[in-house]
C-alpha cells in the first residue's frame, strides 16, 4: 500500500495535510477579479462618502458663510464646469510639465548622490547627516533664496522642487544599499559580478523596494514644493494650477478654489496609485505577495 502511494497513486483527502492543504485551500478560495476590485474600491468610496458628509454637516452648522465655505453641491457643480473648460487643462499641462521635469532632475541627482554616499565612507561622514537635514527642511523656506537667485521665474520653481525631492530619493537609495545582505554581495562577486554589473544584477534589485519608497516620498515632497512655488511665483504669461488657486483666493471664488483643491487631491491619488502598483509588482516578484494580490 505504501509503495502504491509512493508510486504516484492518488491521495485521499485525509492524506492531504500540512503545507499542501494550505496551498490547495488558498487556491480554492482565490477571489474573482471583480471581487478583488470591489474589495479594493469600497473602502475608498466609503471614506469619500464620509468626508463629503462631514463637509456638508460643517456647512449646515453655519460656522462660516456660504461665500467662504460652500457646500459639496455647488463645489462639484463648479468642478464640472471647470473640467469642461480649457483653463483646467492648460493649467494642468503646465503644472504636470514642471512636476515631471523637476522630479526627473531630482531623481537623477538623488540616485547619484545616494549611491555615492552609500559606497564612499568619506562622503557618508561628510554629508550623510546633511542630506537628512535637507530633507526635513520645509521647501517653502527655500523660496526667498530661489527668488533672490532667479527672480520670479520657472528656474526658481525648478530649484525648489529639486531641493525638496532629491534628499528623499537619496535617503531611499542609501537605506536600500545599506540593507542589502553582505552575503548576497559576496555571492554575486563569487559568481563573477564586479563593478557596474554588481550594482545592476545584485545591489540594485536587492535595494529596489527601499528605492521605490524613496521615490514615492520624493514625489510627495516634489509635489508639495511645486504647489508652494506656483502659489508664490505667479508667472502672468503661463497659467498653472497653483496660479489659478491664487487667483480664486484673491477674487474670493470659494467654489472654484475648492474645485481646484479637489483637482490637486485627485492628481495626488492617481500618482499614489501608480507607485502602489509598482510596489505591489515588486512585492509579488519578491514572493511576499501571492498572485491573487493579497
C-alpha atoms as a PDB file:
ATOM      1  CA  UNK A   1       0.000   0.000   0.000  1.00  0.00           C
ATOM      2  CA  UNK A   2       2.838   2.372   0.852  1.00  0.00           C
ATOM      3  CA  UNK A   3       4.543   1.533  -2.420  1.00  0.00           C
ATOM      4  CA  UNK A   4       1.388   2.448  -4.343  1.00  0.00           C
ATOM      5  CA  UNK A   5       1.269   5.844  -2.670  1.00  0.00           C
ATOM      6  CA  UNK A   6       4.937   6.453  -3.365  1.00  0.00           C
ATOM      7  CA  UNK A   7       4.470   5.340  -6.961  1.00  0.00           C
ATOM      8  CA  UNK A   8       2.077   8.188  -7.600  1.00  0.00           C
ATOM      9  CA  UNK A   9      -1.349   6.782  -6.696  1.00  0.00           C
ATOM     10  CA  UNK A  10      -3.989   9.441  -5.981  1.00  0.00           C
ATOM     11  CA  UNK A  11      -4.077  10.567  -2.354  1.00  0.00           C
ATOM     12  CA  UNK A  12      -7.272  10.784  -0.356  1.00  0.00           C
ATOM     13  CA  UNK A  13      -8.419  13.967   1.424  1.00  0.00           C
ATOM     14  CA  UNK A  14      -7.201  12.514   4.692  1.00  0.00           C
ATOM     15  CA  UNK A  15      -3.705  12.173   3.290  1.00  0.00           C
ATOM     16  CA  UNK A  16      -3.551  15.801   2.169  1.00  0.00           C
ATOM     17  CA  UNK A  17      -2.180  17.787   5.071  1.00  0.00           C
ATOM     18  CA  UNK A  18       0.335  20.381   6.113  1.00  0.00           C
ATOM     19  CA  UNK A  19       1.502  22.895   3.548  1.00  0.00           C
ATOM     20  CA  UNK A  20      -0.249  21.033   0.700  1.00  0.00           C
ATOM     21  CA  UNK A  21      -3.612  21.555   2.393  1.00  0.00           C
ATOM     22  CA  UNK A  22      -2.884  25.236   2.965  1.00  0.00           C
ATOM     23  CA  UNK A  23      -1.865  25.743  -0.641  1.00  0.00           C
ATOM     24  CA  UNK A  24      -4.921  23.964  -2.020  1.00  0.00           C
ATOM     25  CA  UNK A  25      -7.225  25.886   0.323  1.00  0.00           C
ATOM     26  CA  UNK A  26      -5.678  29.156  -0.814  1.00  0.00           C
ATOM     27  CA  UNK A  27      -6.271  28.245  -4.446  1.00  0.00           C
ATOM     28  CA  UNK A  28      -9.864  27.218  -3.840  1.00  0.00           C
ATOM     29  CA  UNK A  29     -10.669  30.493  -2.073  1.00  0.00           C
ATOM     30  CA  UNK A  30      -8.998  32.818  -4.590  1.00  0.00           C
ATOM     31  CA  UNK A  31     -11.460  35.674  -5.206  1.00  0.00           C
ATOM     32  CA  UNK A  32     -12.561  36.653  -8.684  1.00  0.00           C
ATOM     33  CA  UNK A  33     -11.081  39.801 -10.308  1.00  0.00           C
ATOM     34  CA  UNK A  34     -14.409  41.600  -9.862  1.00  0.00           C
ATOM     35  CA  UNK A  35     -14.474  40.729  -6.172  1.00  0.00           C
ATOM     36  CA  UNK A  36     -10.870  41.879  -5.721  1.00  0.00           C
ATOM     37  CA  UNK A  37     -11.664  45.170  -7.470  1.00  0.00           C
ATOM     38  CA  UNK A  38     -14.692  45.754  -5.286  1.00  0.00           C
ATOM     39  CA  UNK A  39     -12.713  44.862  -2.141  1.00  0.00           C
ATOM     40  CA  UNK A  40     -10.132  47.485  -3.025  1.00  0.00           C
ATOM     41  CA  UNK A  41     -12.682  50.110  -4.095  1.00  0.00           C
ATOM     42  CA  UNK A  42     -15.421  50.122  -1.474  1.00  0.00           C
ATOM     43  CA  UNK A  43     -13.240  51.365   1.433  1.00  0.00           C
ATOM     44  CA  UNK A  44     -12.176  54.345  -0.681  1.00  0.00           C
ATOM     45  CA  UNK A  45     -15.767  55.082  -1.674  1.00  0.00           C
ATOM     46  CA  UNK A  46     -16.870  54.807   1.954  1.00  0.00           C
ATOM     47  CA  UNK A  47     -14.113  57.197   3.069  1.00  0.00           C
ATOM     48  CA  UNK A  48     -15.093  59.639   0.314  1.00  0.00           C
ATOM     49  CA  UNK A  49     -18.761  59.498   1.286  1.00  0.00           C
ATOM     50  CA  UNK A  50     -17.864  60.054   4.940  1.00  0.00           C
ATOM     51  CA  UNK A  51     -15.662  63.053   4.086  1.00  0.00           C
ATOM     52  CA  UNK A  52     -18.424  64.633   1.969  1.00  0.00           C
ATOM     53  CA  UNK A  53     -20.993  64.007   4.720  1.00  0.00           C
ATOM     54  CA  UNK A  54     -18.758  65.670   7.316  1.00  0.00           C
ATOM     55  CA  UNK A  55     -18.144  68.574   4.956  1.00  0.00           C
ATOM     56  CA  UNK A  56     -21.880  69.063   4.458  1.00  0.00           C
ATOM     57  CA  UNK A  57     -22.502  68.769   8.207  1.00  0.00           C
ATOM     58  CA  UNK A  58     -19.999  71.557   8.895  1.00  0.00           C
ATOM     59  CA  UNK A  59     -21.699  73.730   6.274  1.00  0.00           C
ATOM     60  CA  UNK A  60     -25.097  73.111   7.904  1.00  0.00           C
ATOM     61  CA  UNK A  61     -23.783  74.283  11.276  1.00  0.00           C
ATOM     62  CA  UNK A  62     -23.405  77.781   9.822  1.00  0.00           C
ATOM     63  CA  UNK A  63     -19.838  78.032  11.102  1.00  0.00           C
ATOM     64  CA  UNK A  64     -18.884  80.088   8.025  1.00  0.00           C
ATOM     65  CA  UNK A  65     -20.933  81.956   5.460  1.00  0.00           C
ATOM     66  CA  UNK A  66     -21.583  80.088   2.170  1.00  0.00           C
ATOM     67  CA  UNK A  67     -19.379  82.525   0.251  1.00  0.00           C
ATOM     68  CA  UNK A  68     -16.423  81.421   2.413  1.00  0.00           C
ATOM     69  CA  UNK A  69     -17.292  77.741   2.874  1.00  0.00           C
ATOM     70  CA  UNK A  70     -19.648  76.454   0.168  1.00  0.00           C
ATOM     71  CA  UNK A  71     -21.211  73.011   0.376  1.00  0.00           C
ATOM     72  CA  UNK A  72     -20.371  69.972  -1.749  1.00  0.00           C
ATOM     73  CA  UNK A  73     -23.196  70.542  -4.253  1.00  0.00           C
ATOM     74  CA  UNK A  74     -22.070  73.973  -5.568  1.00  0.00           C
ATOM     75  CA  UNK A  75     -18.404  72.939  -5.441  1.00  0.00           C
ATOM     76  CA  UNK A  76     -18.924  69.780  -7.505  1.00  0.00           C
ATOM     77  CA  UNK A  77     -21.138  71.709  -9.906  1.00  0.00           C
ATOM     78  CA  UNK A  78     -18.343  74.227 -10.412  1.00  0.00           C
ATOM     79  CA  UNK A  79     -15.866  71.373 -10.731  1.00  0.00           C
ATOM     80  CA  UNK A  80     -17.919  70.024 -13.632  1.00  0.00           C
ATOM     81  CA  UNK A  81     -17.790  73.382 -15.424  1.00  0.00           C
ATOM     82  CA  UNK A  82     -14.090  73.680 -14.613  1.00  0.00           C
ATOM     83  CA  UNK A  83     -13.373  70.236 -16.085  1.00  0.00           C
ATOM     84  CA  UNK A  84     -15.018  71.274 -19.359  1.00  0.00           C
ATOM     85  CA  UNK A  85     -13.039  74.494 -19.633  1.00  0.00           C
ATOM     86  CA  UNK A  86      -9.655  74.974 -21.259  1.00  0.00           C
ATOM     87  CA  UNK A  87      -8.317  76.681 -18.120  1.00  0.00           C
ATOM     88  CA  UNK A  88      -8.075  73.396 -16.221  1.00  0.00           C
ATOM     89  CA  UNK A  89      -6.228  71.515 -18.946  1.00  0.00           C
ATOM     90  CA  UNK A  90      -3.864  74.368 -19.770  1.00  0.00           C
ATOM     91  CA  UNK A  91      -3.028  74.818 -16.101  1.00  0.00           C
ATOM     92  CA  UNK A  92      -2.717  71.084 -15.575  1.00  0.00           C
ATOM     93  CA  UNK A  93      -0.388  70.780 -18.570  1.00  0.00           C
ATOM     94  CA  UNK A  94       1.921  73.494 -17.201  1.00  0.00           C
ATOM     95  CA  UNK A  95       1.915  72.025 -13.700  1.00  0.00           C
ATOM     96  CA  UNK A  96       2.449  68.465 -14.977  1.00  0.00           C
ATOM     97  CA  UNK A  97       5.391  69.576 -17.119  1.00  0.00           C
ATOM     98  CA  UNK A  98       7.018  71.347 -14.184  1.00  0.00           C
ATOM     99  CA  UNK A  99       6.414  68.331 -11.950  1.00  0.00           C
ATOM    100  CA  UNK A 100       7.826  65.863 -14.487  1.00  0.00           C
ATOM    101  CA  UNK A 101      10.949  67.892 -15.270  1.00  0.00           C
ATOM    102  CA  UNK A 102      11.637  68.777 -11.638  1.00  0.00           C
ATOM    103  CA  UNK A 103      11.039  65.259 -10.350  1.00  0.00           C
ATOM    104  CA  UNK A 104      13.161  63.699 -13.108  1.00  0.00           C
ATOM    105  CA  UNK A 105      16.049  66.005 -12.212  1.00  0.00           C
ATOM    106  CA  UNK A 106      15.565  65.248  -8.511  1.00  0.00           C
ATOM    107  CA  UNK A 107      15.619  61.501  -9.211  1.00  0.00           C
ATOM    108  CA  UNK A 108      18.846  61.797 -11.208  1.00  0.00           C
ATOM    109  CA  UNK A 109      20.529  63.877  -8.500  1.00  0.00           C
ATOM    110  CA  UNK A 110      19.171  61.718  -5.688  1.00  0.00           C
ATOM    111  CA  UNK A 111      20.211  58.407  -7.264  1.00  0.00           C
ATOM    112  CA  UNK A 112      23.755  59.561  -7.998  1.00  0.00           C
ATOM    113  CA  UNK A 113      24.154  61.221  -4.606  1.00  0.00           C
ATOM    114  CA  UNK A 114      22.667  58.269  -2.756  1.00  0.00           C
ATOM    115  CA  UNK A 115      24.912  55.724  -4.484  1.00  0.00           C
ATOM    116  CA  UNK A 116      27.993  57.863  -3.874  1.00  0.00           C
ATOM    117  CA  UNK A 117      27.225  58.345  -0.181  1.00  0.00           C
ATOM    118  CA  UNK A 118      26.300  54.693   0.305  1.00  0.00           C
ATOM    119  CA  UNK A 119      29.561  53.376  -1.130  1.00  0.00           C
ATOM    120  CA  UNK A 120      32.125  56.076  -0.204  1.00  0.00           C
ATOM    121  CA  UNK A 121      32.749  56.298   3.539  1.00  0.00           C
ATOM    122  CA  UNK A 122      34.304  59.753   3.361  1.00  0.00           C
ATOM    123  CA  UNK A 123      31.229  61.168   1.649  1.00  0.00           C
ATOM    124  CA  UNK A 124      28.936  59.495   4.176  1.00  0.00           C
ATOM    125  CA  UNK A 125      30.892  61.046   7.032  1.00  0.00           C
ATOM    126  CA  UNK A 126      30.906  64.446   5.326  1.00  0.00           C
ATOM    127  CA  UNK A 127      27.355  64.880   4.049  1.00  0.00           C
ATOM    128  CA  UNK A 128      25.315  61.880   5.224  1.00  0.00           C
ATOM    129  CA  UNK A 129      23.582  63.741   8.042  1.00  0.00           C
ATOM    130  CA  UNK A 130      23.269  66.875   5.913  1.00  0.00           C
ATOM    131  CA  UNK A 131      21.057  65.004   3.424  1.00  0.00           C
ATOM    132  CA  UNK A 132      18.606  64.159   6.210  1.00  0.00           C
ATOM    133  CA  UNK A 133      18.729  67.759   7.434  1.00  0.00           C
ATOM    134  CA  UNK A 134      17.889  68.994   3.931  1.00  0.00           C
ATOM    135  CA  UNK A 135      15.020  66.517   3.743  1.00  0.00           C
ATOM    136  CA  UNK A 136      13.473  67.865   6.946  1.00  0.00           C
ATOM    137  CA  UNK A 137      13.815  71.491   5.856  1.00  0.00           C
ATOM    138  CA  UNK A 138      10.460  72.957   4.700  1.00  0.00           C
ATOM    139  CA  UNK A 139      10.529  73.561   0.977  1.00  0.00           C
ATOM    140  CA  UNK A 140       8.918  76.968   1.347  1.00  0.00           C
ATOM    141  CA  UNK A 141      11.989  78.114   3.282  1.00  0.00           C
ATOM    142  CA  UNK A 142      13.988  77.816   0.045  1.00  0.00           C
ATOM    143  CA  UNK A 143      11.838  80.267  -1.893  1.00  0.00           C
ATOM    144  CA  UNK A 144      13.342  83.537  -0.593  1.00  0.00           C
ATOM    145  CA  UNK A 145      16.741  82.317  -1.771  1.00  0.00           C
ATOM    146  CA  UNK A 146      15.308  80.965  -5.027  1.00  0.00           C
ATOM    147  CA  UNK A 147      13.575  84.268  -5.803  1.00  0.00           C
ATOM    148  CA  UNK A 148      16.752  86.167  -4.917  1.00  0.00           C
ATOM    149  CA  UNK A 149      18.790  83.994  -7.281  1.00  0.00           C
ATOM    150  CA  UNK A 150      16.332  83.524 -10.157  1.00  0.00           C
ATOM    151  CA  UNK A 151      13.644  86.181  -9.591  1.00  0.00           C
ATOM    152  CA  UNK A 152      10.008  85.197 -10.254  1.00  0.00           C
ATOM    153  CA  UNK A 153      10.778  82.611 -12.915  1.00  0.00           C
ATOM    154  CA  UNK A 154      10.498  78.957 -13.870  1.00  0.00           C
ATOM    155  CA  UNK A 155      14.046  78.448 -12.624  1.00  0.00           C
ATOM    156  CA  UNK A 156      13.039  79.462  -9.106  1.00  0.00           C
ATOM    157  CA  UNK A 157      10.293  76.817  -9.021  1.00  0.00           C
ATOM    158  CA  UNK A 158      12.600  74.189 -10.550  1.00  0.00           C
ATOM    159  CA  UNK A 159      15.315  74.973  -7.979  1.00  0.00           C
ATOM    160  CA  UNK A 160      12.974  74.395  -5.027  1.00  0.00           C
ATOM    161  CA  UNK A 161      11.351  71.265  -6.494  1.00  0.00           C
ATOM    162  CA  UNK A 162      14.746  69.604  -6.953  1.00  0.00           C
ATOM    163  CA  UNK A 163      15.951  70.612  -3.489  1.00  0.00           C
ATOM    164  CA  UNK A 164      12.691  69.402  -1.974  1.00  0.00           C
ATOM    165  CA  UNK A 165      12.690  65.962  -3.605  1.00  0.00           C
ATOM    166  CA  UNK A 166      16.329  64.939  -4.135  1.00  0.00           C
ATOM    167  CA  UNK A 167      17.200  64.332  -0.432  1.00  0.00           C
ATOM    168  CA  UNK A 168      14.300  61.870  -0.046  1.00  0.00           C
ATOM    169  CA  UNK A 169      15.387  59.946  -3.132  1.00  0.00           C
ATOM    170  CA  UNK A 170      18.994  59.913  -1.927  1.00  0.00           C
ATOM    171  CA  UNK A 171      17.997  58.654   1.519  1.00  0.00           C
ATOM    172  CA  UNK A 172      15.945  55.883  -0.068  1.00  0.00           C
ATOM    173  CA  UNK A 173      18.973  54.750  -2.075  1.00  0.00           C
ATOM    174  CA  UNK A 174      21.274  54.950   0.963  1.00  0.00           C
ATOM    175  CA  UNK A 175      18.966  52.903   3.174  1.00  0.00           C
ATOM    176  CA  UNK A 176      18.312  50.409   0.389  1.00  0.00           C
ATOM    177  CA  UNK A 177      22.014  49.798  -0.243  1.00  0.00           C
ATOM    178  CA  UNK A 178      22.753  49.664   3.498  1.00  0.00           C
ATOM    179  CA  UNK A 179      20.250  46.841   3.983  1.00  0.00           C
ATOM    180  CA  UNK A 180      21.497  44.656   1.148  1.00  0.00           C
ATOM    181  CA  UNK A 181      22.764  41.486   2.919  1.00  0.00           C
ATOM    182  CA  UNK A 182      26.575  41.234   2.699  1.00  0.00           C
ATOM    183  CA  UNK A 183      26.179  37.544   1.963  1.00  0.00           C
ATOM    184  CA  UNK A 184      24.254  38.439  -1.198  1.00  0.00           C
ATOM    185  CA  UNK A 185      27.019  40.797  -2.320  1.00  0.00           C
ATOM    186  CA  UNK A 186      29.689  38.140  -1.671  1.00  0.00           C
ATOM    187  CA  UNK A 187      27.645  35.575  -3.589  1.00  0.00           C
ATOM    188  CA  UNK A 188      27.381  37.958  -6.530  1.00  0.00           C
ATOM    189  CA  UNK A 189      31.124  38.547  -6.520  1.00  0.00           C
ATOM    190  CA  UNK A 190      31.799  34.819  -6.383  1.00  0.00           C
ATOM    191  CA  UNK A 191      29.600  34.409  -9.456  1.00  0.00           C
ATOM    192  CA  UNK A 192      31.660  36.993 -11.314  1.00  0.00           C
ATOM    193  CA  UNK A 193      29.684  40.194 -10.761  1.00  0.00           C
ATOM    194  CA  UNK A 194      32.071  43.125 -10.488  1.00  0.00           C
ATOM    195  CA  UNK A 195      31.799  46.901 -10.793  1.00  0.00           C
ATOM    196  CA  UNK A 196      28.668  48.072 -12.579  1.00  0.00           C
ATOM    197  CA  UNK A 197      27.430  44.503 -13.049  1.00  0.00           C
ATOM    198  CA  UNK A 198      27.432  44.045  -9.267  1.00  0.00           C
ATOM    199  CA  UNK A 199      25.157  47.056  -8.925  1.00  0.00           C
ATOM    200  CA  UNK A 200      22.999  46.103 -11.881  1.00  0.00           C
ATOM    201  CA  UNK A 201      22.379  42.455 -11.034  1.00  0.00           C
ATOM    202  CA  UNK A 202      22.802  42.284  -7.249  1.00  0.00           C
ATOM    203  CA  UNK A 203      22.675  45.566  -5.302  1.00  0.00           C
ATOM    204  CA  UNK A 204      20.048  47.437  -7.333  1.00  0.00           C
ATOM    205  CA  UNK A 205      17.459  44.603  -7.352  1.00  0.00           C
ATOM    206  CA  UNK A 206      18.001  43.981  -3.632  1.00  0.00           C
ATOM    207  CA  UNK A 207      17.685  47.666  -2.778  1.00  0.00           C
ATOM    208  CA  UNK A 208      14.743  48.271  -5.134  1.00  0.00           C
ATOM    209  CA  UNK A 209      11.948  48.253  -2.503  1.00  0.00           C
ATOM    210  CA  UNK A 210      13.674  50.970  -0.455  1.00  0.00           C
ATOM    211  CA  UNK A 211      14.494  52.933  -3.608  1.00  0.00           C
ATOM    212  CA  UNK A 212      10.840  52.872  -4.705  1.00  0.00           C
ATOM    213  CA  UNK A 213       9.806  54.014  -1.219  1.00  0.00           C
ATOM    214  CA  UNK A 214      12.293  56.885  -1.520  1.00  0.00           C
ATOM    215  CA  UNK A 215      10.936  57.775  -4.953  1.00  0.00           C
ATOM    216  CA  UNK A 216       7.394  57.825  -3.594  1.00  0.00           C
ATOM    217  CA  UNK A 217       8.395  60.081  -0.735  1.00  0.00           C
ATOM    218  CA  UNK A 218      10.436  62.228  -3.103  1.00  0.00           C
ATOM    219  CA  UNK A 219       7.408  62.691  -5.338  1.00  0.00           C
ATOM    220  CA  UNK A 220       5.350  63.818  -2.337  1.00  0.00           C
ATOM    221  CA  UNK A 221       7.981  66.439  -1.486  1.00  0.00           C
ATOM    222  CA  UNK A 222       8.270  67.500  -5.144  1.00  0.00           C
ATOM    223  CA  UNK A 223       4.501  67.937  -5.483  1.00  0.00           C
ATOM    224  CA  UNK A 224       4.276  69.950  -2.260  1.00  0.00           C
ATOM    225  CA  UNK A 225       7.220  72.112  -3.312  1.00  0.00           C
ATOM    226  CA  UNK A 226       5.689  72.695  -6.730  1.00  0.00           C
ATOM    227  CA  UNK A 227       2.322  73.742  -5.297  1.00  0.00           C
ATOM    228  CA  UNK A 228       4.043  76.132  -2.883  1.00  0.00           C
ATOM    229  CA  UNK A 229       6.112  77.516  -5.749  1.00  0.00           C
ATOM    230  CA  UNK A 230       3.152  78.096  -8.006  1.00  0.00           C
ATOM    231  CA  UNK A 231       1.329  79.898  -5.204  1.00  0.00           C
ATOM    232  CA  UNK A 232       4.280  82.205  -4.575  1.00  0.00           C
ATOM    233  CA  UNK A 233       5.795  82.529  -8.034  1.00  0.00           C
ATOM    234  CA  UNK A 234       2.917  83.507 -10.312  1.00  0.00           C
ATOM    235  CA  UNK A 235       4.052  83.981 -13.910  1.00  0.00           C
ATOM    236  CA  UNK A 236       1.430  86.052 -15.713  1.00  0.00           C
ATOM    237  CA  UNK A 237       2.119  84.605 -19.155  1.00  0.00           C
ATOM    238  CA  UNK A 238       1.763  80.972 -18.011  1.00  0.00           C
ATOM    239  CA  UNK A 239      -1.274  79.670 -16.225  1.00  0.00           C
ATOM    240  CA  UNK A 240      -0.944  76.776 -13.792  1.00  0.00           C
ATOM    241  CA  UNK A 241      -2.979  75.008 -11.149  1.00  0.00           C
ATOM    242  CA  UNK A 242      -1.235  76.917  -8.360  1.00  0.00           C
ATOM    243  CA  UNK A 243      -1.681  80.258 -10.110  1.00  0.00           C
ATOM    244  CA  UNK A 244      -5.386  79.584 -10.645  1.00  0.00           C
ATOM    245  CA  UNK A 245      -5.684  78.736  -6.954  1.00  0.00           C
ATOM    246  CA  UNK A 246      -4.123  82.095  -6.099  1.00  0.00           C
ATOM    247  CA  UNK A 247      -6.484  83.940  -8.456  1.00  0.00           C
ATOM    248  CA  UNK A 248      -9.512  82.181  -6.943  1.00  0.00           C
ATOM    249  CA  UNK A 249      -8.413  83.241  -3.454  1.00  0.00           C
ATOM    250  CA  UNK A 250      -7.827  86.849  -4.495  1.00  0.00           C
ATOM    251  CA  UNK A 251     -11.261  87.018  -6.152  1.00  0.00           C
ATOM    252  CA  UNK A 252     -12.964  85.218  -3.214  1.00  0.00           C
ATOM    253  CA  UNK A 253     -14.282  82.499  -5.527  1.00  0.00           C
ATOM    254  CA  UNK A 254     -14.608  79.822  -2.878  1.00  0.00           C
ATOM    255  CA  UNK A 255     -16.315  77.267  -5.114  1.00  0.00           C
ATOM    256  CA  UNK A 256     -13.551  77.482  -7.755  1.00  0.00           C
ATOM    257  CA  UNK A 257     -10.879  77.454  -5.060  1.00  0.00           C
ATOM    258  CA  UNK A 258     -12.208  74.226  -3.571  1.00  0.00           C
ATOM    259  CA  UNK A 259     -12.706  72.710  -7.029  1.00  0.00           C
ATOM    260  CA  UNK A 260      -9.037  73.326  -7.782  1.00  0.00           C
ATOM    261  CA  UNK A 261      -8.083  71.781  -4.436  1.00  0.00           C
ATOM    262  CA  UNK A 262     -10.047  68.669  -5.413  1.00  0.00           C
ATOM    263  CA  UNK A 263      -8.103  68.511  -8.693  1.00  0.00           C
ATOM    264  CA  UNK A 264      -4.820  68.691  -6.768  1.00  0.00           C
ATOM    265  CA  UNK A 265      -6.039  65.899  -4.477  1.00  0.00           C
ATOM    266  CA  UNK A 266      -7.060  63.718  -7.422  1.00  0.00           C
ATOM    267  CA  UNK A 267      -3.645  64.136  -9.053  1.00  0.00           C
ATOM    268  CA  UNK A 268      -2.016  63.036  -5.797  1.00  0.00           C
ATOM    269  CA  UNK A 269      -4.274  59.981  -5.577  1.00  0.00           C
ATOM    270  CA  UNK A 270      -3.539  58.968  -9.182  1.00  0.00           C
ATOM    271  CA  UNK A 271       0.228  59.215  -8.697  1.00  0.00           C
ATOM    272  CA  UNK A 272      -0.008  57.339  -5.379  1.00  0.00           C
ATOM    273  CA  UNK A 273      -1.926  54.571  -7.174  1.00  0.00           C
ATOM    274  CA  UNK A 274       0.867  54.337  -9.760  1.00  0.00           C
ATOM    275  CA  UNK A 275       3.501  53.987  -7.050  1.00  0.00           C
ATOM    276  CA  UNK A 276       1.261  51.485  -5.255  1.00  0.00           C
ATOM    277  CA  UNK A 277       1.039  49.355  -8.404  1.00  0.00           C
ATOM    278  CA  UNK A 278       4.832  49.441  -8.782  1.00  0.00           C
ATOM    279  CA  UNK A 279       5.285  48.471  -5.132  1.00  0.00           C
ATOM    280  CA  UNK A 280       2.817  45.597  -5.486  1.00  0.00           C
ATOM    281  CA  UNK A 281       4.625  44.321  -8.589  1.00  0.00           C
ATOM    282  CA  UNK A 282       7.938  44.377  -6.722  1.00  0.00           C
ATOM    283  CA  UNK A 283       6.493  42.572  -3.706  1.00  0.00           C
ATOM    284  CA  UNK A 284       4.936  39.941  -5.977  1.00  0.00           C
ATOM    285  CA  UNK A 285       8.279  39.445  -7.722  1.00  0.00           C
ATOM    286  CA  UNK A 286       9.975  39.071  -4.355  1.00  0.00           C
ATOM    287  CA  UNK A 287       7.450  36.427  -3.325  1.00  0.00           C
ATOM    288  CA  UNK A 288       5.929  38.387  -0.424  1.00  0.00           C
ATOM    289  CA  UNK A 289       2.644  38.831  -2.298  1.00  0.00           C
ATOM    290  CA  UNK A 290       0.698  35.962  -3.843  1.00  0.00           C
ATOM    291  CA  UNK A 291      -0.648  36.001  -7.387  1.00  0.00           C
ATOM    292  CA  UNK A 292      -4.100  36.962  -6.146  1.00  0.00           C
ATOM    293  CA  UNK A 293      -2.672  40.229  -4.846  1.00  0.00           C
ATOM    294  CA  UNK A 294      -3.356  39.538  -1.155  1.00  0.00           C
END
